Full PDB file with SEQRES, HELIX, SHEET, SSBOND, CRYST1, ORIGX, SCALE, CONECT and MASTER records, all heavy atoms in Angstrom:
SEQRES   1 A   38  GLN PRO ALA THR LEU LEU TRP TYR HIS ASP HIS ALA MET          
SEQRES   2 A   38  GLY ALA THR ARG PHE ASN PRO TYR LEU GLY LEU ALA ALA          
SEQRES   3 A   38  ALA TYR LEU ILE PHE ASP LYS VAL ASP THR GLY THR              
HELIX    1 AA1 ASN A   19  LEU A   22  1                                   4    
SHEET    1 AA1 2 THR A   4  HIS A   9  0                                        
SHEET    2 AA1 2 ALA A  25  ILE A  30 -1                                        
CRYST1    1.000    1.000    1.000  90.00  90.00  90.00 P 1           1          
ORIGX1      1.000000  0.000000  0.000000        0.00000                         
ORIGX2      0.000000  1.000000  0.000000        0.00000                         
ORIGX3      0.000000  0.000000  1.000000        0.00000                         
SCALE1      1.000000  0.000000  0.000000        0.00000                         
SCALE2      0.000000  1.000000  0.000000        0.00000                         
SCALE3      0.000000  0.000000  1.000000        0.00000                         
ATOM      1  N   GLN A   1       0.887  -1.241   0.045  1.00  0.00           N  
ATOM      2  CA  GLN A   1       0.032  -0.020   0.036  1.00  0.00           C  
ATOM      3  C   GLN A   1       0.949   1.186   0.007  1.00  0.00           C  
ATOM      4  O   GLN A   1       2.027   1.182   0.384  1.00  0.00           O  
ATOM      5  CB  GLN A   1      -0.912   0.015   1.225  1.00  0.00           C  
ATOM      6  CG  GLN A   1      -0.288  -0.196   2.501  1.00  0.00           C  
ATOM      7  CD  GLN A   1      -1.136  -0.497   3.681  1.00  0.00           C  
ATOM      8  OE1 GLN A   1      -1.272  -1.624   4.149  1.00  0.00           O  
ATOM      9  NE2 GLN A   1      -2.134   0.342   3.973  1.00  0.00           N  
ATOM     10  N   PRO A   2       0.315   2.485  -0.361  1.00  0.00           N  
ATOM     11  CA  PRO A   2       1.182   3.553  -0.524  1.00  0.00           C  
ATOM     12  C   PRO A   2       1.630   4.045   0.871  1.00  0.00           C  
ATOM     13  O   PRO A   2       1.135   3.584   1.865  1.00  0.00           O  
ATOM     14  CB  PRO A   2       0.155   4.652  -1.181  1.00  0.00           C  
ATOM     15  CG  PRO A   2      -0.935   3.760  -1.788  1.00  0.00           C  
ATOM     16  CD  PRO A   2      -1.118   2.573  -0.933  1.00  0.00           C  
ATOM     17  N   ALA A   3       2.539   5.041   0.684  1.00  0.00           N  
ATOM     18  CA  ALA A   3       3.140   5.707   1.923  1.00  0.00           C  
ATOM     19  C   ALA A   3       1.855   6.283   2.788  1.00  0.00           C  
ATOM     20  O   ALA A   3       1.153   7.016   2.236  1.00  0.00           O  
ATOM     21  CB  ALA A   3       4.096   6.673   1.555  1.00  0.00           C  
ATOM     22  N   THR A   4       1.973   6.054   4.108  1.00  0.00           N  
ATOM     23  CA  THR A   4       0.892   6.722   4.920  1.00  0.00           C  
ATOM     24  C   THR A   4       1.342   6.322   6.429  1.00  0.00           C  
ATOM     25  O   THR A   4       2.237   5.641   6.709  1.00  0.00           O  
ATOM     26  CB  THR A   4      -0.469   6.011   4.587  1.00  0.00           C  
ATOM     27  OG1 THR A   4      -1.417   6.856   5.257  1.00  0.00           O  
ATOM     28  CG2 THR A   4      -0.474   4.649   5.024  1.00  0.00           C  
ATOM     29  N   LEU A   5       0.544   6.916   7.253  1.00  0.00           N  
ATOM     30  CA  LEU A   5       0.697   6.614   8.675  1.00  0.00           C  
ATOM     31  C   LEU A   5      -0.420   5.711   9.166  1.00  0.00           C  
ATOM     32  O   LEU A   5      -1.694   5.958   9.049  1.00  0.00           O  
ATOM     33  CB  LEU A   5       0.579   7.868   9.469  1.00  0.00           C  
ATOM     34  CG  LEU A   5       0.412   7.671  11.053  1.00  0.00           C  
ATOM     35  CD1 LEU A   5       1.679   7.038  11.619  1.00  0.00           C  
ATOM     36  CD2 LEU A   5       0.048   8.957  11.856  1.00  0.00           C  
ATOM     37  N   LEU A   6      -0.158   4.482   9.439  1.00  0.00           N  
ATOM     38  CA  LEU A   6      -0.992   3.577  10.085  1.00  0.00           C  
ATOM     39  C   LEU A   6      -0.700   3.489  11.564  1.00  0.00           C  
ATOM     40  O   LEU A   6       0.070   4.235  12.029  1.00  0.00           O  
ATOM     41  CB  LEU A   6      -0.768   2.040   9.492  1.00  0.00           C  
ATOM     42  CG  LEU A   6      -0.751   1.986   7.980  1.00  0.00           C  
ATOM     43  CD1 LEU A   6      -0.459   0.477   7.600  1.00  0.00           C  
ATOM     44  CD2 LEU A   6      -2.047   2.365   7.403  1.00  0.00           C  
ATOM     45  N   TRP A   7      -1.450   2.754  12.352  1.00  0.00           N  
ATOM     46  CA  TRP A   7      -1.122   2.530  13.790  1.00  0.00           C  
ATOM     47  C   TRP A   7      -1.464   1.131  14.249  1.00  0.00           C  
ATOM     48  O   TRP A   7      -2.362   0.576  13.596  1.00  0.00           O  
ATOM     49  CB  TRP A   7      -1.695   3.621  14.640  1.00  0.00           C  
ATOM     50  CG  TRP A   7      -3.099   3.764  14.665  1.00  0.00           C  
ATOM     51  CD1 TRP A   7      -4.068   3.938  13.709  1.00  0.00           C  
ATOM     52  CD2 TRP A   7      -4.016   3.924  15.906  1.00  0.00           C  
ATOM     53  NE1 TRP A   7      -5.312   3.976  14.126  1.00  0.00           N  
ATOM     54  CE2 TRP A   7      -5.383   4.111  15.442  1.00  0.00           C  
ATOM     55  CE3 TRP A   7      -3.731   3.857  17.154  1.00  0.00           C  
ATOM     56  CZ2 TRP A   7      -6.379   4.144  16.341  1.00  0.00           C  
ATOM     57  CZ3 TRP A   7      -4.849   4.019  18.064  1.00  0.00           C  
ATOM     58  CH2 TRP A   7      -6.070   4.159  17.598  1.00  0.00           C  
ATOM     59  N   TYR A   8      -0.711   0.673  15.205  1.00  0.00           N  
ATOM     60  CA  TYR A   8      -1.094  -0.694  15.786  1.00  0.00           C  
ATOM     61  C   TYR A   8      -1.584  -0.483  17.130  1.00  0.00           C  
ATOM     62  O   TYR A   8      -1.153   0.264  17.978  1.00  0.00           O  
ATOM     63  CB  TYR A   8      -0.040  -1.649  15.643  1.00  0.00           C  
ATOM     64  CG  TYR A   8       1.338  -1.304  16.268  1.00  0.00           C  
ATOM     65  CD1 TYR A   8       1.638  -1.921  17.481  1.00  0.00           C  
ATOM     66  CD2 TYR A   8       2.287  -0.634  15.503  1.00  0.00           C  
ATOM     67  CE1 TYR A   8       2.903  -1.629  18.161  1.00  0.00           C  
ATOM     68  CE2 TYR A   8       3.567  -0.368  16.217  1.00  0.00           C  
ATOM     69  CZ  TYR A   8       3.783  -0.843  17.439  1.00  0.00           C  
ATOM     70  OH  TYR A   8       5.075  -0.642  18.086  1.00  0.00           O  
ATOM     71  N   HIS A   9      -2.623  -1.236  17.526  1.00  0.00           N  
ATOM     72  CA  HIS A   9      -3.282  -1.156  18.798  1.00  0.00           C  
ATOM     73  C   HIS A   9      -3.935  -2.476  19.137  1.00  0.00           C  
ATOM     74  O   HIS A   9      -4.175  -3.337  18.190  1.00  0.00           O  
ATOM     75  CB  HIS A   9      -4.249  -0.036  18.888  1.00  0.00           C  
ATOM     76  CG  HIS A   9      -5.547  -0.140  18.031  1.00  0.00           C  
ATOM     77  ND1 HIS A   9      -6.444  -0.965  18.290  1.00  0.00           N  
ATOM     78  CD2 HIS A   9      -5.754   0.524  16.841  1.00  0.00           C  
ATOM     79  CE1 HIS A   9      -7.431  -0.884  17.287  1.00  0.00           C  
ATOM     80  NE2 HIS A   9      -6.939   0.113  16.419  1.00  0.00           N  
ATOM     81  N   ASP A  10      -4.194  -2.630  20.438  1.00  0.00           N  
ATOM     82  CA  ASP A  10      -4.810  -3.908  20.884  1.00  0.00           C  
ATOM     83  C   ASP A  10      -6.339  -3.868  20.516  1.00  0.00           C  
ATOM     84  O   ASP A  10      -7.063  -2.869  20.424  1.00  0.00           O  
ATOM     85  CB  ASP A  10      -4.734  -4.061  22.388  1.00  0.00           C  
ATOM     86  CG  ASP A  10      -4.959  -5.459  22.723  1.00  0.00           C  
ATOM     87  OD1 ASP A  10      -4.212  -6.399  22.430  1.00  0.00           O  
ATOM     88  OD2 ASP A  10      -6.169  -5.699  23.260  1.00  0.00           O  
ATOM     89  N   HIS A  11      -6.809  -5.146  20.085  1.00  0.00           N  
ATOM     90  CA  HIS A  11      -8.098  -5.335  19.601  1.00  0.00           C  
ATOM     91  C   HIS A  11      -8.721  -6.563  20.287  1.00  0.00           C  
ATOM     92  O   HIS A  11      -9.745  -7.126  19.697  1.00  0.00           O  
ATOM     93  CB  HIS A  11      -8.069  -5.489  18.175  1.00  0.00           C  
ATOM     94  CG  HIS A  11      -9.293  -4.996  17.356  1.00  0.00           C  
ATOM     95  ND1 HIS A  11     -10.558  -5.172  17.698  1.00  0.00           N  
ATOM     96  CD2 HIS A  11      -9.300  -4.197  16.295  1.00  0.00           C  
ATOM     97  CE1 HIS A  11     -11.478  -4.651  16.847  1.00  0.00           C  
ATOM     98  NE2 HIS A  11     -10.690  -3.988  15.948  1.00  0.00           N  
ATOM     99  N   ALA A  12      -8.375  -6.857  21.501  1.00  0.00           N  
ATOM    100  CA  ALA A  12      -8.814  -8.034  22.128  1.00  0.00           C  
ATOM    101  C   ALA A  12     -10.307  -8.039  22.493  1.00  0.00           C  
ATOM    102  O   ALA A  12     -10.935  -6.983  22.930  1.00  0.00           O  
ATOM    103  CB  ALA A  12      -8.102  -8.446  23.398  1.00  0.00           C  
ATOM    104  N   MET A  13     -11.055  -9.184  22.335  1.00  0.00           N  
ATOM    105  CA  MET A  13     -12.359  -9.221  22.688  1.00  0.00           C  
ATOM    106  C   MET A  13     -12.650  -8.795  24.015  1.00  0.00           C  
ATOM    107  O   MET A  13     -12.111  -9.205  25.046  1.00  0.00           O  
ATOM    108  CB  MET A  13     -12.882 -10.833  22.581  1.00  0.00           C  
ATOM    109  CG  MET A  13     -14.282 -11.029  22.979  1.00  0.00           C  
ATOM    110  SD  MET A  13     -15.480 -10.432  21.988  1.00  0.00           S  
ATOM    111  CE  MET A  13     -15.333 -11.446  20.560  1.00  0.00           C  
ATOM    112  N   GLY A  14     -13.579  -7.801  24.112  1.00  0.00           N  
ATOM    113  CA  GLY A  14     -14.072  -7.303  25.465  1.00  0.00           C  
ATOM    114  C   GLY A  14     -12.976  -6.455  26.225  1.00  0.00           C  
ATOM    115  O   GLY A  14     -13.176  -5.949  27.322  1.00  0.00           O  
ATOM    116  N   ALA A  15     -11.800  -6.141  25.632  1.00  0.00           N  
ATOM    117  CA  ALA A  15     -10.741  -5.377  26.206  1.00  0.00           C  
ATOM    118  C   ALA A  15     -10.300  -4.365  25.409  1.00  0.00           C  
ATOM    119  O   ALA A  15      -9.326  -3.544  25.859  1.00  0.00           O  
ATOM    120  CB  ALA A  15      -9.644  -6.303  26.629  1.00  0.00           C  
ATOM    121  N   THR A  16     -10.911  -3.877  24.304  1.00  0.00           N  
ATOM    122  CA  THR A  16     -10.410  -3.000  23.391  1.00  0.00           C  
ATOM    123  C   THR A  16     -10.603  -1.494  24.003  1.00  0.00           C  
ATOM    124  O   THR A  16      -9.841  -0.598  23.797  1.00  0.00           O  
ATOM    125  CB  THR A  16     -11.067  -2.957  22.049  1.00  0.00           C  
ATOM    126  OG1 THR A  16     -10.856  -4.246  21.459  1.00  0.00           O  
ATOM    127  CG2 THR A  16     -10.527  -1.920  21.072  1.00  0.00           C  
ATOM    128  N   ARG A  17     -11.637  -1.414  24.909  1.00  0.00           N  
ATOM    129  CA  ARG A  17     -11.782  -0.141  25.542  1.00  0.00           C  
ATOM    130  C   ARG A  17     -10.867   0.022  26.823  1.00  0.00           C  
ATOM    131  O   ARG A  17     -10.604   1.166  27.154  1.00  0.00           O  
ATOM    132  CB  ARG A  17     -13.216   0.085  26.058  1.00  0.00           C  
ATOM    133  CG  ARG A  17     -13.619  -0.921  27.142  1.00  0.00           C  
ATOM    134  CD  ARG A  17     -15.187  -0.839  27.440  1.00  0.00           C  
ATOM    135  NE  ARG A  17     -15.561  -1.620  28.480  1.00  0.00           N  
ATOM    136  CZ  ARG A  17     -15.889  -2.911  28.570  1.00  0.00           C  
ATOM    137  NH1 ARG A  17     -15.561  -3.642  27.584  1.00  0.00           N  
ATOM    138  NH2 ARG A  17     -16.195  -3.448  29.670  1.00  0.00           N  
ATOM    139  N   PHE A  18     -10.185  -1.027  27.196  1.00  0.00           N  
ATOM    140  CA  PHE A  18      -9.136  -0.933  28.263  1.00  0.00           C  
ATOM    141  C   PHE A  18      -7.696  -0.847  27.793  1.00  0.00           C  
ATOM    142  O   PHE A  18      -6.894  -0.029  28.304  1.00  0.00           O  
ATOM    143  CB  PHE A  18      -9.416  -2.103  29.229  1.00  0.00           C  
ATOM    144  CG  PHE A  18     -10.763  -2.274  29.840  1.00  0.00           C  
ATOM    145  CD1 PHE A  18     -11.372  -3.445  30.084  1.00  0.00           C  
ATOM    146  CD2 PHE A  18     -11.374  -1.058  30.272  1.00  0.00           C  
ATOM    147  CE1 PHE A  18     -12.574  -3.530  30.634  1.00  0.00           C  
ATOM    148  CE2 PHE A  18     -12.675  -1.087  30.972  1.00  0.00           C  
ATOM    149  CZ  PHE A  18     -13.199  -2.442  31.114  1.00  0.00           C  
ATOM    150  N   ASN A  19      -7.308  -1.898  26.968  1.00  0.00           N  
ATOM    151  CA  ASN A  19      -5.889  -2.116  26.686  1.00  0.00           C  
ATOM    152  C   ASN A  19      -5.193  -0.847  25.982  1.00  0.00           C  
ATOM    153  O   ASN A  19      -4.144  -0.407  26.336  1.00  0.00           O  
ATOM    154  CB  ASN A  19      -5.636  -3.386  25.887  1.00  0.00           C  
ATOM    155  CG  ASN A  19      -6.054  -4.595  26.685  1.00  0.00           C  
ATOM    156  OD1 ASN A  19      -6.292  -4.374  27.815  1.00  0.00           O  
ATOM    157  ND2 ASN A  19      -5.897  -5.726  26.060  1.00  0.00           N  
ATOM    158  N   PRO A  20      -5.870  -0.218  24.900  1.00  0.00           N  
ATOM    159  CA  PRO A  20      -5.290   0.945  24.313  1.00  0.00           C  
ATOM    160  C   PRO A  20      -5.299   2.138  25.272  1.00  0.00           C  
ATOM    161  O   PRO A  20      -4.377   2.913  25.338  1.00  0.00           O  
ATOM    162  CB  PRO A  20      -6.104   1.167  23.156  1.00  0.00           C  
ATOM    163  CG  PRO A  20      -6.754  -0.157  22.803  1.00  0.00           C  
ATOM    164  CD  PRO A  20      -6.975  -0.823  24.048  1.00  0.00           C  
ATOM    165  N   TYR A  21      -6.344   2.246  26.170  1.00  0.00           N  
ATOM    166  CA  TYR A  21      -6.266   3.242  27.204  1.00  0.00           C  
ATOM    167  C   TYR A  21      -5.176   3.106  28.168  1.00  0.00           C  
ATOM    168  O   TYR A  21      -4.556   4.068  28.620  1.00  0.00           O  
ATOM    169  CB  TYR A  21      -7.680   3.168  28.036  1.00  0.00           C  
ATOM    170  CG  TYR A  21      -7.781   4.303  29.046  1.00  0.00           C  
ATOM    171  CD1 TYR A  21      -8.125   5.643  28.530  1.00  0.00           C  
ATOM    172  CD2 TYR A  21      -7.821   4.045  30.330  1.00  0.00           C  
ATOM    173  CE1 TYR A  21      -8.348   6.695  29.454  1.00  0.00           C  
ATOM    174  CE2 TYR A  21      -8.030   5.106  31.298  1.00  0.00           C  
ATOM    175  CZ  TYR A  21      -8.346   6.365  30.854  1.00  0.00           C  
ATOM    176  OH  TYR A  21      -8.466   7.264  31.752  1.00  0.00           O  
ATOM    177  N   LEU A  22      -4.777   1.817  28.411  1.00  0.00           N  
ATOM    178  CA  LEU A  22      -3.604   1.603  29.300  1.00  0.00           C  
ATOM    179  C   LEU A  22      -2.286   1.886  28.483  1.00  0.00           C  
ATOM    180  O   LEU A  22      -1.224   1.906  29.200  1.00  0.00           O  
ATOM    181  CB  LEU A  22      -3.664   0.146  29.819  1.00  0.00           C  
ATOM    182  CG  LEU A  22      -4.668  -0.115  30.877  1.00  0.00           C  
ATOM    183  CD1 LEU A  22      -4.802  -1.512  31.185  1.00  0.00           C  
ATOM    184  CD2 LEU A  22      -4.412   0.671  32.149  1.00  0.00           C  
ATOM    185  N   GLY A  23      -2.290   1.951  27.197  1.00  0.00           N  
ATOM    186  CA  GLY A  23      -1.107   2.289  26.505  1.00  0.00           C  
ATOM    187  C   GLY A  23      -0.807   1.372  25.365  1.00  0.00           C  
ATOM    188  O   GLY A  23       0.261   1.717  24.624  1.00  0.00           O  
ATOM    189  N   LEU A  24      -1.537   0.437  24.991  1.00  0.00           N  
ATOM    190  CA  LEU A  24      -1.252  -0.552  23.890  1.00  0.00           C  
ATOM    191  C   LEU A  24      -1.686   0.019  22.537  1.00  0.00           C  
ATOM    192  O   LEU A  24      -2.565  -0.298  22.024  1.00  0.00           O  
ATOM    193  CB  LEU A  24      -1.825  -1.919  24.111  1.00  0.00           C  
ATOM    194  CG  LEU A  24      -1.232  -2.692  25.240  1.00  0.00           C  
ATOM    195  CD1 LEU A  24      -1.935  -4.044  25.460  1.00  0.00           C  
ATOM    196  CD2 LEU A  24       0.307  -3.056  24.809  1.00  0.00           C  
ATOM    197  N   ALA A  25      -0.879   1.074  22.160  1.00  0.00           N  
ATOM    198  CA  ALA A  25      -1.057   1.684  20.888  1.00  0.00           C  
ATOM    199  C   ALA A  25       0.227   2.316  20.356  1.00  0.00           C  
ATOM    200  O   ALA A  25       0.971   2.784  21.313  1.00  0.00           O  
ATOM    201  CB  ALA A  25      -2.078   2.805  20.911  1.00  0.00           C  
ATOM    202  N   ALA A  26       0.512   2.365  19.084  1.00  0.00           N  
ATOM    203  CA  ALA A  26       1.724   2.861  18.566  1.00  0.00           C  
ATOM    204  C   ALA A  26       1.683   3.106  17.114  1.00  0.00           C  
ATOM    205  O   ALA A  26       0.728   2.680  16.535  1.00  0.00           O  
ATOM    206  CB  ALA A  26       2.950   2.028  18.801  1.00  0.00           C  
ATOM    207  N   ALA A  27       2.533   3.880  16.444  1.00  0.00           N  
ATOM    208  CA  ALA A  27       2.532   4.307  15.204  1.00  0.00           C  
ATOM    209  C   ALA A  27       3.254   3.351  14.199  1.00  0.00           C  
ATOM    210  O   ALA A  27       4.206   2.691  14.721  1.00  0.00           O  
ATOM    211  CB  ALA A  27       3.095   5.751  14.968  1.00  0.00           C  
ATOM    212  N   TYR A  28       2.872   3.261  12.959  1.00  0.00           N  
ATOM    213  CA  TYR A  28       3.448   2.493  11.928  1.00  0.00           C  
ATOM    214  C   TYR A  28       3.423   3.239  10.725  1.00  0.00           C  
ATOM    215  O   TYR A  28       2.418   3.654  10.094  1.00  0.00           O  
ATOM    216  CB  TYR A  28       2.493   1.233  11.763  1.00  0.00           C  
ATOM    217  CG  TYR A  28       3.063   0.151  10.852  1.00  0.00           C  
ATOM    218  CD1 TYR A  28       3.525  -1.130  11.450  1.00  0.00           C  
ATOM    219  CD2 TYR A  28       3.195   0.221   9.489  1.00  0.00           C  
ATOM    220  CE1 TYR A  28       3.967  -2.236  10.598  1.00  0.00           C  
ATOM    221  CE2 TYR A  28       3.591  -0.697   8.695  1.00  0.00           C  
ATOM    222  CZ  TYR A  28       3.967  -1.969   9.377  1.00  0.00           C  
ATOM    223  OH  TYR A  28       4.516  -3.012   8.481  1.00  0.00           O  
ATOM    224  N   LEU A  29       4.602   3.695  10.216  1.00  0.00           N  
ATOM    225  CA  LEU A  29       4.832   4.600   9.058  1.00  0.00           C  
ATOM    226  C   LEU A  29       5.364   3.799   7.828  1.00  0.00           C  
ATOM    227  O   LEU A  29       6.167   2.999   8.005  1.00  0.00           O  
ATOM    228  CB  LEU A  29       5.825   5.607   9.383  1.00  0.00           C  
ATOM    229  CG  LEU A  29       5.405   6.937   9.953  1.00  0.00           C  
ATOM    230  CD1 LEU A  29       6.606   7.837  10.416  1.00  0.00           C  
ATOM    231  CD2 LEU A  29       4.549   7.826   8.913  1.00  0.00           C  
ATOM    232  N   ILE A  30       4.732   4.047   6.745  1.00  0.00           N  
ATOM    233  CA  ILE A  30       5.108   3.394   5.533  1.00  0.00           C  
ATOM    234  C   ILE A  30       5.547   4.541   4.537  1.00  0.00           C  
ATOM    235  O   ILE A  30       4.916   5.594   4.457  1.00  0.00           O  
ATOM    236  CB  ILE A  30       3.950   2.559   4.740  1.00  0.00           C  
ATOM    237  CG1 ILE A  30       3.421   1.553   5.686  1.00  0.00           C  
ATOM    238  CG2 ILE A  30       4.477   2.007   3.421  1.00  0.00           C  
ATOM    239  CD1 ILE A  30       2.322   0.728   5.059  1.00  0.00           C  
ATOM    240  N   PHE A  31       6.810   4.338   3.884  1.00  0.00           N  
ATOM    241  CA  PHE A  31       7.236   5.278   2.921  1.00  0.00           C  
ATOM    242  C   PHE A  31       7.361   4.554   1.613  1.00  0.00           C  
ATOM    243  O   PHE A  31       7.416   3.254   1.505  1.00  0.00           O  
ATOM    244  CB  PHE A  31       8.615   5.782   3.286  1.00  0.00           C  
ATOM    245  CG  PHE A  31       8.493   6.673   4.527  1.00  0.00           C  
ATOM    246  CD1 PHE A  31       9.147   6.459   5.649  1.00  0.00           C  
ATOM    247  CD2 PHE A  31       7.810   7.941   4.440  1.00  0.00           C  
ATOM    248  CE1 PHE A  31       9.156   7.191   6.776  1.00  0.00           C  
ATOM    249  CE2 PHE A  31       7.749   8.711   5.658  1.00  0.00           C  
ATOM    250  CZ  PHE A  31       8.384   8.374   6.786  1.00  0.00           C  
ATOM    251  N   ASP A  32       7.427   5.260   0.450  1.00  0.00           N  
ATOM    252  CA  ASP A  32       7.629   4.647  -0.930  1.00  0.00           C  
ATOM    253  C   ASP A  32       8.332   5.542  -1.729  1.00  0.00           C  
ATOM    254  O   ASP A  32       8.962   6.585  -1.329  1.00  0.00           O  
ATOM    255  CB  ASP A  32       6.256   4.281  -1.481  1.00  0.00           C  
ATOM    256  CG  ASP A  32       5.201   5.449  -1.595  1.00  0.00           C  
ATOM    257  OD1 ASP A  32       5.731   6.613  -1.490  1.00  0.00           O  
ATOM    258  OD2 ASP A  32       4.027   5.245  -1.833  1.00  0.00           O  
ATOM    259  N   LYS A  33       8.290   5.317  -3.101  1.00  0.00           N  
ATOM    260  CA  LYS A  33       9.163   6.157  -3.989  1.00  0.00           C  
ATOM    261  C   LYS A  33       8.394   7.433  -4.261  1.00  0.00           C  
ATOM    262  O   LYS A  33       9.161   8.407  -4.637  1.00  0.00           O  
ATOM    263  CB  LYS A  33       9.225   5.351  -5.387  1.00  0.00           C  
ATOM    264  CG  LYS A  33      10.137   4.202  -5.213  1.00  0.00           C  
ATOM    265  CD  LYS A  33      10.301   3.539  -6.520  1.00  0.00           C  
ATOM    266  CE  LYS A  33      11.087   2.282  -6.404  1.00  0.00           C  
ATOM    267  NZ  LYS A  33      11.236   1.508  -7.669  1.00  0.00           N  
ATOM    268  N   VAL A  34       7.161   7.589  -3.913  1.00  0.00           N  
ATOM    269  CA  VAL A  34       6.527   8.885  -4.127  1.00  0.00           C  
ATOM    270  C   VAL A  34       6.719   9.789  -2.836  1.00  0.00           C  
ATOM    271  O   VAL A  34       7.219  10.952  -3.066  1.00  0.00           O  
ATOM    272  CB  VAL A  34       4.930   8.844  -4.310  1.00  0.00           C  
ATOM    273  CG1 VAL A  34       4.235  10.206  -4.375  1.00  0.00           C  
ATOM    274  CG2 VAL A  34       4.713   7.993  -5.597  1.00  0.00           C  
ATOM    275  N   ASP A  35       6.467   9.257  -1.666  1.00  0.00           N  
ATOM    276  CA  ASP A  35       6.767   9.830  -0.399  1.00  0.00           C  
ATOM    277  C   ASP A  35       7.918   9.106   0.372  1.00  0.00           C  
ATOM    278  O   ASP A  35       7.645   8.104   0.974  1.00  0.00           O  
ATOM    279  CB  ASP A  35       5.349   9.989   0.365  1.00  0.00           C  
ATOM    280  CG  ASP A  35       5.661  10.697   1.763  1.00  0.00           C  
ATOM    281  OD1 ASP A  35       6.730  11.123   1.994  1.00  0.00           O  
ATOM    282  OD2 ASP A  35       4.698  10.745   2.430  1.00  0.00           O  
ATOM    283  N   THR A  36       9.047   9.647   0.247  1.00  0.00           N  
ATOM    284  CA  THR A  36      10.207   8.947   0.805  1.00  0.00           C  
ATOM    285  C   THR A  36      10.405   9.356   2.192  1.00  0.00           C  
ATOM    286  O   THR A  36      11.390   8.735   2.882  1.00  0.00           O  
ATOM    287  CB  THR A  36      11.456   9.398  -0.014  1.00  0.00           C  
ATOM    288  OG1 THR A  36      11.768  10.773   0.125  1.00  0.00           O  
ATOM    289  CG2 THR A  36      11.369   9.076  -1.557  1.00  0.00           C  
ATOM    290  N   GLY A  37       9.697  10.319   2.774  1.00  0.00           N  
ATOM    291  CA  GLY A  37       9.836  10.757   4.053  1.00  0.00           C  
ATOM    292  C   GLY A  37      10.699  12.025   4.106  1.00  0.00           C  
ATOM    293  O   GLY A  37      10.689  12.911   5.019  1.00  0.00           O  
ATOM    294  N   THR A  38      11.464  12.326   3.055  1.00  0.00           N  
ATOM    295  CA  THR A  38      12.225  13.532   2.894  1.00  0.00           C  
ATOM    296  C   THR A  38      11.746  14.378   1.753  1.00  0.00           C  
ATOM    297  O   THR A  38      11.934  15.560   1.661  1.00  0.00           O  
ATOM    298  CB  THR A  38      13.648  13.297   2.744  1.00  0.00           C  
ATOM    299  OG1 THR A  38      13.857  12.491   1.550  1.00  0.00           O  
ATOM    300  CG2 THR A  38      14.294  12.566   3.908  1.00  0.00           C  
TER     301      THR A  38                                                      
MASTER        0    0    0    1    2    0    0    6  300    1    0    3          
END                                                                             
């Protein structure tokens, strides 16, 4: 997929409202030939 900002976070059954609130979330950056980051 093209360059963009995704993110990863917890998605467990019945705990999605708790686990990311506690901190289980972070960024995932993709770069490509169009958007190299620079």
